[in-house]
């Protein structure tokens, strides 16, 4: 096997490594942005004054059998 073959293999590996490194960095940055995002409860419920919380013990829940 000649020198050209090994240079091709090394070049292809370097390009693949760069692409995968950049993709991993983009994913990590997206996860960091999502982990820092916050939504306060008062902001979520301020749009509708008739909106009420529903839990498992709430009378609004019904048993479907």
Protein backbone atom coordinates (compact mmCIF):
# COMPACT_ATOMS: atom_id res chain seq x y z
CA UNK A 1 0.00 0.00 0.00
CA UNK A 2 1.31 3.29 -1.03
CA UNK A 3 1.75 6.62 0.65
CA UNK A 4 -1.26 8.05 -1.20
CA UNK A 5 -3.57 5.47 0.34
CA UNK A 6 -2.45 6.26 3.90
CA UNK A 7 -2.70 9.99 3.28
CA UNK A 8 -6.24 9.45 2.00
CA UNK A 9 -7.16 7.39 5.08
CA UNK A 10 -5.69 9.97 7.46
CA UNK A 11 -7.38 12.85 5.61
CA UNK A 12 -10.75 11.10 5.61
CA UNK A 13 -10.44 10.32 9.31
CA UNK A 14 -9.55 13.95 10.08
CA UNK A 15 -12.55 15.26 8.15
CA UNK A 16 -14.89 12.75 9.81
CA UNK A 17 -13.50 13.62 13.24
CA UNK A 18 -14.05 17.35 12.62
CA UNK A 19 -17.64 16.82 11.47
CA UNK A 20 -18.49 14.59 14.44
CA UNK A 21 -16.83 17.01 16.88
CA UNK A 22 -18.87 19.93 15.56
CA UNK A 23 -22.10 17.91 15.69
CA UNK A 24 -21.43 16.87 19.28
CA UNK A 25 -20.70 20.48 20.23
CA UNK A 26 -23.98 21.66 18.68
CA UNK A 27 -25.93 19.02 20.63
CA UNK A 28 -24.19 19.94 23.90
CA UNK A 29 -24.90 23.65 23.38
CA UNK A 30 -28.57 22.88 22.73
CA UNK A 31 -28.84 20.81 25.89
CA UNK A 32 -27.21 23.60 27.90
CA UNK A 33 -29.67 26.17 26.53
CA UNK A 34 -32.63 23.91 27.33
CA UNK A 35 -31.41 23.26 30.87
CA UNK A 36 -31.21 27.00 31.58
CA UNK A 37 -34.68 27.78 30.20
CA UNK A 38 -37.25 28.56 32.84
CA UNK A 39 -40.96 29.26 32.82
CA UNK A 40 -42.55 30.63 35.93
CA UNK A 41 -45.87 29.15 36.96
CA UNK A 42 -47.55 32.54 37.27
CA UNK A 43 -46.71 33.38 33.66
CA UNK A 44 -48.17 30.11 32.44
CA UNK A 45 -51.46 30.57 34.30
CA UNK A 46 -51.87 34.33 33.85
CA UNK A 47 -53.41 34.02 30.38
CA UNK A 48 -56.65 32.38 31.58
CA UNK A 49 -58.12 33.26 34.98
CA UNK A 50 -60.57 30.31 34.84
CA UNK A 51 -57.75 27.79 34.45
CA UNK A 52 -57.42 25.52 37.50
CA UNK A 53 -54.95 22.85 38.48
CA UNK A 54 -56.20 19.29 38.14
CA UNK A 55 -54.73 16.50 40.24
CA UNK A 56 -55.60 12.85 40.68
CA UNK A 57 -57.83 13.70 43.67
CA UNK A 58 -59.51 16.61 41.95
CA UNK A 59 -63.29 16.45 41.41
CA UNK A 60 -62.63 17.32 37.77
CA UNK A 61 -61.00 13.93 37.25
CA UNK A 62 -63.35 11.08 36.52
CA UNK A 63 -62.83 7.37 36.67
CA UNK A 64 -63.29 5.71 33.32
CA UNK A 65 -63.93 2.02 33.59
